[in-house]
Amino acid sequence: MPKTLIYYHRAYRKITGSSKLFLIEFITVSLSLALLILFAYPIITYLMSFIAQIVLAHYYPSDTINILEKTFLLGDISFIDIDGTYPSALLSFTNFIISLCLVVFLPTVKKDKNIAIYLLFLAAINLVSALFFTISPYEFPYTASEFSEFYIKSEISMWLFIPFILGLAVLLLPAPFFSKLTLIFFTIIYSIVFGTLRYIIFLFIVSKFSVIYMALLFFAFGPLIDFIYIVGIYSFYSNRLAKTLKNNETVWKWSY
């Protein structure tokens, strides 16, 4: 289908803007939000744990789900203390066989290679975990409570990371300052809400089903997924902004 309108190509052009203004905005926004998170995370983690306790109380006796506190960075974090379920020999061996078959079969898939590669990644993690529990199930060094604590710490690290990585990417764009600030703040709020929901699901799986899936949950659906939605939110914003500015030649200048 022929195009009726062809816009100027973006090659050899760059966005106009002041590097000094960007540096001031970046330091102000990133440090301010990071400090806000540092002072607020004790309350946030308590609310996460309290909500998780309420939801999980429908599936366990109330005295088996407790909220513990430990010192981390500048304050205390709250996390759920819950017992994990160790896999039986049959479950471990079944997971090992299924994962091994997937590791062998998935590289031969011709269509939808991107999906096959991700499934291969999941199968490889589960294969190692299943092999460990098949050989020495009672030497697993982590409990469900330690997994819960580590998850909360990784979430705090991600919240502190978001203002800096998104500030570096978004504040350079030729858009109103308030809209860029709103995007960064929205991403942090989304991370907290999504992290709480994922926290509940993770705890339910390792306690109700088995701790054999602990590594799979963290490495495949933990920080990796966080980077995916951060990139997704940024891509959506920058795409909308590009469509808005595609006819505006004043925000571009030739790089030579």
C-alpha atoms as a PDB file:
ATOM      1  CA  MET A   1       0.000   0.000   0.000  1.00  0.00           C
ATOM      2  CA  PRO A   2       1.651   3.323  -1.084  1.00  0.00           C
ATOM      3  CA  LYS A   3       2.192   6.000   1.544  1.00  0.00           C
ATOM      4  CA  THR A   4       0.483   9.336   1.005  1.00  0.00           C
ATOM      5  CA  LEU A   5       2.779  11.138   3.445  1.00  0.00           C
ATOM      6  CA  ILE A   6       6.433  10.445   4.243  1.00  0.00           C
ATOM      7  CA  TYR A   7       7.969  12.108   7.296  1.00  0.00           C
ATOM      8  CA  TYR A   8      11.580  13.152   7.695  1.00  0.00           C
ATOM      9  CA  HIS A   9      13.805  10.281   8.732  1.00  0.00           C
ATOM     10  CA  ARG A  10      15.300  10.474  12.234  1.00  0.00           C
ATOM     11  CA  ALA A  11      18.755   9.394  11.062  1.00  0.00           C
ATOM     12  CA  TYR A  12      21.463  12.014  11.718  1.00  0.00           C
ATOM     13  CA  ARG A  13      19.087  14.027  13.871  1.00  0.00           C
ATOM     14  CA  LYS A  14      19.069  14.428  17.634  1.00  0.00           C
ATOM     15  CA  ILE A  15      16.700  15.790  20.238  1.00  0.00           C
ATOM     16  CA  THR A  16      17.361  19.341  21.355  1.00  0.00           C
ATOM     17  CA  GLY A  17      17.661  20.178  25.019  1.00  0.00           C
ATOM     18  CA  SER A  18      19.930  21.455  27.770  1.00  0.00           C
ATOM     19  CA  SER A  19      22.324  18.953  29.347  1.00  0.00           C
ATOM     20  CA  LYS A  20      22.549  21.114  32.489  1.00  0.00           C
ATOM     21  CA  LEU A  21      18.760  21.156  32.861  1.00  0.00           C
ATOM     22  CA  PHE A  22      18.640  17.389  32.384  1.00  0.00           C
ATOM     23  CA  LEU A  23      21.318  16.867  35.049  1.00  0.00           C
ATOM     24  CA  ILE A  24      19.454  19.066  37.530  1.00  0.00           C
ATOM     25  CA  GLU A  25      16.140  17.305  36.850  1.00  0.00           C
ATOM     26  CA  PHE A  26      17.747  13.858  37.016  1.00  0.00           C
ATOM     27  CA  ILE A  27      19.445  14.481  40.366  1.00  0.00           C
ATOM     28  CA  THR A  28      16.379  16.183  41.848  1.00  0.00           C
ATOM     29  CA  VAL A  29      13.831  13.584  40.735  1.00  0.00           C
ATOM     30  CA  SER A  30      15.899  10.431  41.242  1.00  0.00           C
ATOM     31  CA  LEU A  31      17.304  11.347  44.643  1.00  0.00           C
ATOM     32  CA  SER A  32      13.977  12.708  45.904  1.00  0.00           C
ATOM     33  CA  LEU A  33      12.044   9.571  44.944  1.00  0.00           C
ATOM     34  CA  ALA A  34      14.811   7.293  46.225  1.00  0.00           C
ATOM     35  CA  LEU A  35      14.807   9.083  49.587  1.00  0.00           C
ATOM     36  CA  LEU A  36      11.030   8.876  49.707  1.00  0.00           C
ATOM     37  CA  ILE A  37      11.228   5.102  49.152  1.00  0.00           C
ATOM     38  CA  LEU A  38      13.941   4.737  51.800  1.00  0.00           C
ATOM     39  CA  PHE A  39      11.730   6.398  54.395  1.00  0.00           C
ATOM     40  CA  ALA A  40       8.509   4.691  53.257  1.00  0.00           C
ATOM     41  CA  TYR A  41       9.542   1.080  52.666  1.00  0.00           C
ATOM     42  CA  PRO A  42       8.987  -0.036  56.314  1.00  0.00           C
ATOM     43  CA  ILE A  43       5.330   0.976  55.980  1.00  0.00           C
ATOM     44  CA  ILE A  44       5.022  -0.401  52.428  1.00  0.00           C
ATOM     45  CA  THR A  45       6.482  -3.798  53.317  1.00  0.00           C
ATOM     46  CA  TYR A  46       4.253  -4.043  56.375  1.00  0.00           C
ATOM     47  CA  LEU A  47       1.178  -3.343  54.246  1.00  0.00           C
ATOM     48  CA  MET A  48       2.353  -5.931  51.686  1.00  0.00           C
ATOM     49  CA  SER A  49       2.787  -8.524  54.424  1.00  0.00           C
ATOM     50  CA  PHE A  50      -0.497  -7.626  56.096  1.00  0.00           C
ATOM     51  CA  ILE A  51      -2.413  -7.997  52.815  1.00  0.00           C
ATOM     52  CA  ALA A  52      -0.619 -11.295  52.086  1.00  0.00           C
ATOM     53  CA  GLN A  53      -1.481 -12.552  55.565  1.00  0.00           C
ATOM     54  CA  ILE A  54      -5.168 -11.724  55.085  1.00  0.00           C
ATOM     55  CA  VAL A  55      -5.335 -13.450  51.686  1.00  0.00           C
ATOM     56  CA  LEU A  56      -3.380 -16.550  52.731  1.00  0.00           C
ATOM     57  CA  ALA A  57      -5.384 -16.896  55.970  1.00  0.00           C
ATOM     58  CA  HIS A  58      -8.209 -18.356  53.872  1.00  0.00           C
ATOM     59  CA  TYR A  59      -6.010 -21.369  53.054  1.00  0.00           C
ATOM     60  CA  TYR A  60      -4.030 -21.920  56.268  1.00  0.00           C
ATOM     61  CA  PRO A  61      -4.642 -21.844  60.026  1.00  0.00           C
ATOM     62  CA  SER A  62      -4.197 -18.298  61.276  1.00  0.00           C
ATOM     63  CA  ASP A  63      -1.411 -19.242  63.712  1.00  0.00           C
ATOM     64  CA  THR A  64       0.814 -20.599  60.908  1.00  0.00           C
ATOM     65  CA  ILE A  65       1.174 -17.265  59.083  1.00  0.00           C
ATOM     66  CA  ASN A  66       3.104 -14.619  60.962  1.00  0.00           C
ATOM     67  CA  ILE A  67       4.632 -11.255  60.108  1.00  0.00           C
ATOM     68  CA  LEU A  68       8.295 -10.927  61.060  1.00  0.00           C
ATOM     69  CA  GLU A  69      10.572  -7.891  61.045  1.00  0.00           C
ATOM     70  CA  LYS A  70      14.277  -7.537  60.280  1.00  0.00           C
ATOM     71  CA  THR A  71      16.590  -4.583  59.852  1.00  0.00           C
ATOM     72  CA  PHE A  72      17.462  -3.691  56.267  1.00  0.00           C
ATOM     73  CA  LEU A  73      19.188  -0.497  55.070  1.00  0.00           C
ATOM     74  CA  LEU A  74      17.727   2.405  57.087  1.00  0.00           C
ATOM     75  CA  GLY A  75      14.830   0.670  58.782  1.00  0.00           C
ATOM     76  CA  ASP A  76      12.926  -2.549  59.388  1.00  0.00           C
ATOM     77  CA  ILE A  77      11.262  -4.651  56.731  1.00  0.00           C
ATOM     78  CA  SER A  78       8.227  -6.840  57.279  1.00  0.00           C
ATOM     79  CA  PHE A  79       7.776 -10.220  55.638  1.00  0.00           C
ATOM     80  CA  ILE A  80       5.639 -13.332  55.964  1.00  0.00           C
ATOM     81  CA  ASP A  81       6.887 -16.298  57.973  1.00  0.00           C
ATOM     82  CA  ILE A  82       5.307 -19.448  56.569  1.00  0.00           C
ATOM     83  CA  ASP A  83       6.248 -23.107  56.291  1.00  0.00           C
ATOM     84  CA  GLY A  84       7.214 -24.493  52.905  1.00  0.00           C
ATOM     85  CA  THR A  85       6.308 -27.903  51.538  1.00  0.00           C
ATOM     86  CA  TYR A  86       9.165 -30.194  50.598  1.00  0.00           C
ATOM     87  CA  PRO A  87       8.611 -32.293  47.470  1.00  0.00           C
ATOM     88  CA  SER A  88       8.188 -36.037  47.550  1.00  0.00           C
ATOM     89  CA  ALA A  89      10.628 -38.256  45.672  1.00  0.00           C
ATOM     90  CA  LEU A  90       7.963 -38.887  43.040  1.00  0.00           C
ATOM     91  CA  LEU A  91       7.285 -35.177  42.497  1.00  0.00           C
ATOM     92  CA  SER A  92      11.004 -34.397  42.216  1.00  0.00           C
ATOM     93  CA  PHE A  93      11.624 -37.207  39.734  1.00  0.00           C
ATOM     94  CA  THR A  94       8.522 -36.299  37.691  1.00  0.00           C
ATOM     95  CA  ASN A  95       9.648 -32.671  37.438  1.00  0.00           C
ATOM     96  CA  PHE A  96      13.125 -33.843  36.438  1.00  0.00           C
ATOM     97  CA  ILE A  97      11.836 -36.064  33.617  1.00  0.00           C
ATOM     98  CA  ILE A  98       9.399 -33.475  32.268  1.00  0.00           C
ATOM     99  CA  SER A  99      12.007 -30.695  32.389  1.00  0.00           C
ATOM    100  CA  LEU A 100      14.616 -32.921  30.739  1.00  0.00           C
ATOM    101  CA  CYS A 101      12.221 -33.767  27.900  1.00  0.00           C
ATOM    102  CA  LEU A 102      11.480 -30.070  27.375  1.00  0.00           C
ATOM    103  CA  VAL A 103      15.191 -29.179  27.358  1.00  0.00           C
ATOM    104  CA  VAL A 104      15.773 -31.803  24.659  1.00  0.00           C
ATOM    105  CA  PHE A 105      12.655 -31.045  22.610  1.00  0.00           C
ATOM    106  CA  LEU A 106      12.378 -27.237  22.655  1.00  0.00           C
ATOM    107  CA  PRO A 107      15.622 -26.495  20.714  1.00  0.00           C
ATOM    108  CA  THR A 108      14.117 -28.417  17.766  1.00  0.00           C
ATOM    109  CA  VAL A 109      11.045 -26.170  17.550  1.00  0.00           C
ATOM    110  CA  LYS A 110      10.979 -24.227  14.280  1.00  0.00           C
ATOM    111  CA  LYS A 111       8.042 -21.875  14.858  1.00  0.00           C
ATOM    112  CA  ASP A 112       7.655 -19.269  17.590  1.00  0.00           C
ATOM    113  CA  LYS A 113      11.325 -19.524  18.531  1.00  0.00           C
ATOM    114  CA  ASN A 114      11.060 -16.661  21.031  1.00  0.00           C
ATOM    115  CA  ILE A 115       8.440 -18.548  23.048  1.00  0.00           C
ATOM    116  CA  ALA A 116      10.415 -21.785  22.756  1.00  0.00           C
ATOM    117  CA  ILE A 117      13.575 -20.081  24.060  1.00  0.00           C
ATOM    118  CA  TYR A 118      11.749 -18.678  27.087  1.00  0.00           C
ATOM    119  CA  LEU A 119      10.175 -22.070  27.833  1.00  0.00           C
ATOM    120  CA  LEU A 120      13.614 -23.642  27.484  1.00  0.00           C
ATOM    121  CA  PHE A 121      14.885 -21.143  30.046  1.00  0.00           C
ATOM    122  CA  LEU A 122      12.092 -22.140  32.459  1.00  0.00           C
ATOM    123  CA  ALA A 123      12.667 -25.843  31.868  1.00  0.00           C
ATOM    124  CA  ALA A 124      16.430 -25.539  32.459  1.00  0.00           C
ATOM    125  CA  ILE A 125      15.901 -23.809  35.826  1.00  0.00           C
ATOM    126  CA  ASN A 126      13.354 -26.382  36.912  1.00  0.00           C
ATOM    127  CA  LEU A 127      15.608 -29.209  35.701  1.00  0.00           C
ATOM    128  CA  VAL A 128      18.438 -28.100  38.002  1.00  0.00           C
ATOM    129  CA  SER A 129      16.045 -27.647  40.930  1.00  0.00           C
ATOM    130  CA  ALA A 130      14.409 -31.036  40.375  1.00  0.00           C
ATOM    131  CA  LEU A 131      17.794 -32.752  40.077  1.00  0.00           C
ATOM    132  CA  PHE A 132      18.906 -31.231  43.375  1.00  0.00           C
ATOM    133  CA  PHE A 133      15.784 -32.414  45.208  1.00  0.00           C
ATOM    134  CA  THR A 134      16.036 -35.836  43.592  1.00  0.00           C
ATOM    135  CA  ILE A 135      19.619 -36.345  44.792  1.00  0.00           C
ATOM    136  CA  SER A 136      19.631 -34.560  48.176  1.00  0.00           C
ATOM    137  CA  PRO A 137      16.191 -33.189  49.074  1.00  0.00           C
ATOM    138  CA  TYR A 138      16.957 -32.387  52.713  1.00  0.00           C
ATOM    139  CA  GLU A 139      20.085 -30.335  52.040  1.00  0.00           C
ATOM    140  CA  PHE A 140      18.189 -27.454  50.444  1.00  0.00           C
ATOM    141  CA  PRO A 141      19.607 -24.341  52.169  1.00  0.00           C
ATOM    142  CA  TYR A 142      16.556 -22.034  51.999  1.00  0.00           C
ATOM    143  CA  THR A 143      13.255 -22.035  53.844  1.00  0.00           C
ATOM    144  CA  ALA A 144      10.018 -20.435  52.667  1.00  0.00           C
ATOM    145  CA  SER A 145      10.521 -17.731  55.296  1.00  0.00           C
ATOM    146  CA  GLU A 146      14.002 -16.910  53.957  1.00  0.00           C
ATOM    147  CA  PHE A 147      12.609 -16.837  50.435  1.00  0.00           C
ATOM    148  CA  SER A 148       9.913 -14.431  51.645  1.00  0.00           C
ATOM    149  CA  GLU A 149      12.529 -12.164  53.236  1.00  0.00           C
ATOM    150  CA  PHE A 150      14.758 -12.216  50.157  1.00  0.00           C
ATOM    151  CA  TYR A 151      11.800 -11.382  47.909  1.00  0.00           C
ATOM    152  CA  ILE A 152      10.939  -8.291  49.958  1.00  0.00           C
ATOM    153  CA  LYS A 153      14.574  -7.121  49.873  1.00  0.00           C
ATOM    154  CA  SER A 154      14.726  -7.579  46.099  1.00  0.00           C
ATOM    155  CA  GLU A 155      11.523  -5.553  45.714  1.00  0.00           C
ATOM    156  CA  ILE A 156      12.965  -2.669  47.721  1.00  0.00           C
ATOM    157  CA  SER A 157      16.077  -2.754  45.544  1.00  0.00           C
ATOM    158  CA  MET A 158      13.895  -2.594  42.434  1.00  0.00           C
ATOM    159  CA  TRP A 159      11.910   0.376  43.795  1.00  0.00           C
ATOM    160  CA  LEU A 160      15.179   2.225  44.433  1.00  0.00           C
ATOM    161  CA  PHE A 161      16.417   1.316  40.960  1.00  0.00           C
ATOM    162  CA  ILE A 162      13.351   2.575  39.056  1.00  0.00           C
ATOM    163  CA  PRO A 163      13.800   6.369  39.677  1.00  0.00           C
ATOM    164  CA  PHE A 164      17.375   6.244  38.392  1.00  0.00           C
ATOM    165  CA  ILE A 165      16.925   4.055  35.305  1.00  0.00           C
ATOM    166  CA  LEU A 166      13.644   5.681  34.228  1.00  0.00           C
ATOM    167  CA  GLY A 167      14.898   9.133  35.152  1.00  0.00           C
ATOM    168  CA  LEU A 168      17.894   8.600  32.903  1.00  0.00           C
ATOM    169  CA  ALA A 169      15.681   7.421  30.037  1.00  0.00           C
ATOM    170  CA  VAL A 170      12.592   9.623  30.376  1.00  0.00           C
ATOM    171  CA  LEU A 171      13.932  13.002  31.484  1.00  0.00           C
ATOM    172  CA  LEU A 172      15.870  13.297  28.227  1.00  0.00           C
ATOM    173  CA  LEU A 173      12.662  13.229  26.208  1.00  0.00           C
ATOM    174  CA  PRO A 174      11.082  16.477  24.939  1.00  0.00           C
ATOM    175  CA  ALA A 175       7.930  16.265  27.047  1.00  0.00           C
ATOM    176  CA  PRO A 176       6.426  18.264  29.939  1.00  0.00           C
ATOM    177  CA  PHE A 177       8.303  17.694  33.186  1.00  0.00           C
ATOM    178  CA  PHE A 178       5.128  16.811  35.107  1.00  0.00           C
ATOM    179  CA  SER A 179       4.188  14.043  32.660  1.00  0.00           C
ATOM    180  CA  LYS A 180       7.663  12.492  32.970  1.00  0.00           C
ATOM    181  CA  LEU A 181       7.526  12.709  36.757  1.00  0.00           C
ATOM    182  CA  THR A 182       4.071  11.108  36.692  1.00  0.00           C
ATOM    183  CA  LEU A 183       5.387   8.242  34.551  1.00  0.00           C
ATOM    184  CA  ILE A 184       8.205   7.461  36.992  1.00  0.00           C
ATOM    185  CA  PHE A 185       5.875   7.683  40.004  1.00  0.00           C
ATOM    186  CA  PHE A 186       3.270   5.509  38.257  1.00  0.00           C
ATOM    187  CA  THR A 187       5.902   2.851  37.525  1.00  0.00           C
ATOM    188  CA  ILE A 188       6.892   2.725  41.201  1.00  0.00           C
ATOM    189  CA  ILE A 189       3.240   2.400  42.286  1.00  0.00           C
ATOM    190  CA  TYR A 190       2.676  -0.298  39.657  1.00  0.00           C
ATOM    191  CA  SER A 191       5.754  -2.149  40.925  1.00  0.00           C
ATOM    192  CA  ILE A 192       4.419  -2.091  44.498  1.00  0.00           C
ATOM    193  CA  VAL A 193       0.942  -3.312  43.533  1.00  0.00           C
ATOM    194  CA  PHE A 194       2.210  -5.956  41.129  1.00  0.00           C
ATOM    195  CA  GLY A 195       4.903  -6.990  43.608  1.00  0.00           C
ATOM    196  CA  THR A 196       2.296  -7.526  46.335  1.00  0.00           C
ATOM    197  CA  LEU A 197       0.131  -9.716  44.107  1.00  0.00           C
ATOM    198  CA  ARG A 198       3.169 -11.717  42.961  1.00  0.00           C
ATOM    199  CA  TYR A 199       4.322 -12.051  46.588  1.00  0.00           C
ATOM    200  CA  ILE A 200       1.047 -13.683  47.569  1.00  0.00           C
ATOM    201  CA  ILE A 201       1.155 -16.076  44.598  1.00  0.00           C
ATOM    202  CA  PHE A 202       4.785 -17.030  45.267  1.00  0.00           C
ATOM    203  CA  LEU A 203       4.126 -17.769  48.940  1.00  0.00           C
ATOM    204  CA  PHE A 204       1.061 -19.811  48.062  1.00  0.00           C
ATOM    205  CA  ILE A 205       3.028 -21.950  45.597  1.00  0.00           C
ATOM    206  CA  VAL A 206       6.066 -22.649  47.811  1.00  0.00           C
ATOM    207  CA  SER A 207       3.886 -23.405  50.844  1.00  0.00           C
ATOM    208  CA  LYS A 208       0.955 -25.225  49.246  1.00  0.00           C
ATOM    209  CA  PHE A 209       2.729 -27.053  46.436  1.00  0.00           C
ATOM    210  CA  SER A 210       6.499 -27.276  46.919  1.00  0.00           C
ATOM    211  CA  VAL A 211       9.715 -25.352  47.487  1.00  0.00           C
ATOM    212  CA  ILE A 212      11.060 -27.152  44.416  1.00  0.00           C
ATOM    213  CA  TYR A 213       9.614 -24.260  42.380  1.00  0.00           C
ATOM    214  CA  MET A 214      11.377 -21.595  44.450  1.00  0.00           C
ATOM    215  CA  ALA A 215      14.241 -21.057  41.994  1.00  0.00           C
ATOM    216  CA  LEU A 216      11.881 -21.078  39.013  1.00  0.00           C
ATOM    217  CA  LEU A 217       9.642 -18.456  40.588  1.00  0.00           C
ATOM    218  CA  PHE A 218      12.443 -16.081  41.474  1.00  0.00           C
ATOM    219  CA  PHE A 219      14.693 -16.329  38.417  1.00  0.00           C
ATOM    220  CA  ALA A 220      11.939 -16.583  35.784  1.00  0.00           C
ATOM    221  CA  PHE A 221       9.134 -14.498  37.300  1.00  0.00           C
ATOM    222  CA  GLY A 222      11.005 -12.223  39.703  1.00  0.00           C
ATOM    223  CA  PRO A 223      13.295  -9.324  38.708  1.00  0.00           C
ATOM    224  CA  LEU A 224      13.234 -10.430  35.062  1.00  0.00           C
ATOM    225  CA  ILE A 225       9.523  -9.633  34.855  1.00  0.00           C
ATOM    226  CA  ASP A 226      10.168  -6.307  36.589  1.00  0.00           C
ATOM    227  CA  PHE A 227      12.508  -5.251  33.800  1.00  0.00           C
ATOM    228  CA  ILE A 228       9.918  -6.298  31.225  1.00  0.00           C
ATOM    229  CA  TYR A 229       7.145  -4.050  32.565  1.00  0.00           C
ATOM    230  CA  ILE A 230       9.588  -1.169  33.126  1.00  0.00           C
ATOM    231  CA  VAL A 231      10.663  -1.375  29.482  1.00  0.00           C
ATOM    232  CA  GLY A 232       7.025  -1.827  28.433  1.00  0.00           C
ATOM    233  CA  ILE A 233       5.830   1.288  30.265  1.00  0.00           C
ATOM    234  CA  TYR A 234       8.725   3.335  28.880  1.00  0.00           C
ATOM    235  CA  SER A 235       8.100   2.031  25.344  1.00  0.00           C
ATOM    236  CA  PHE A 236       4.404   2.882  25.516  1.00  0.00           C
ATOM    237  CA  TYR A 237       5.173   6.410  26.733  1.00  0.00           C
ATOM    238  CA  SER A 238       7.934   7.084  24.193  1.00  0.00           C
ATOM    239  CA  ASN A 239       5.808   5.689  21.356  1.00  0.00           C
ATOM    240  CA  ARG A 240       2.905   7.983  22.226  1.00  0.00           C
ATOM    241  CA  LEU A 241       5.307  10.903  22.520  1.00  0.00           C
ATOM    242  CA  ALA A 242       6.919  10.111  19.141  1.00  0.00           C
ATOM    243  CA  LYS A 243       3.513  10.124  17.462  1.00  0.00           C
ATOM    244  CA  THR A 244       2.746  13.483  19.069  1.00  0.00           C
ATOM    245  CA  LEU A 245       6.028  15.061  17.955  1.00  0.00           C
ATOM    246  CA  LYS A 246       6.430  13.481  14.525  1.00  0.00           C
ATOM    247  CA  ASN A 247       5.300  16.677  12.763  1.00  0.00           C
ATOM    248  CA  ASN A 248       7.196  19.006  15.074  1.00  0.00           C
ATOM    249  CA  GLU A 249      10.583  19.784  13.521  1.00  0.00           C
ATOM    250  CA  THR A 250      11.560  22.212  16.312  1.00  0.00           C
ATOM    251  CA  VAL A 251      12.445  19.397  18.745  1.00  0.00           C
ATOM    252  CA  TRP A 252      14.980  17.921  16.298  1.00  0.00           C
ATOM    253  CA  LYS A 253      18.219  19.236  14.883  1.00  0.00           C
ATOM    254  CA  TRP A 254      20.782  17.783  12.517  1.00  0.00           C
ATOM    255  CA  SER A 255      23.731  16.098  14.271  1.00  0.00           C
ATOM    256  CA  TYR A 256      26.283  17.368  11.714  1.00  0.00           C
END
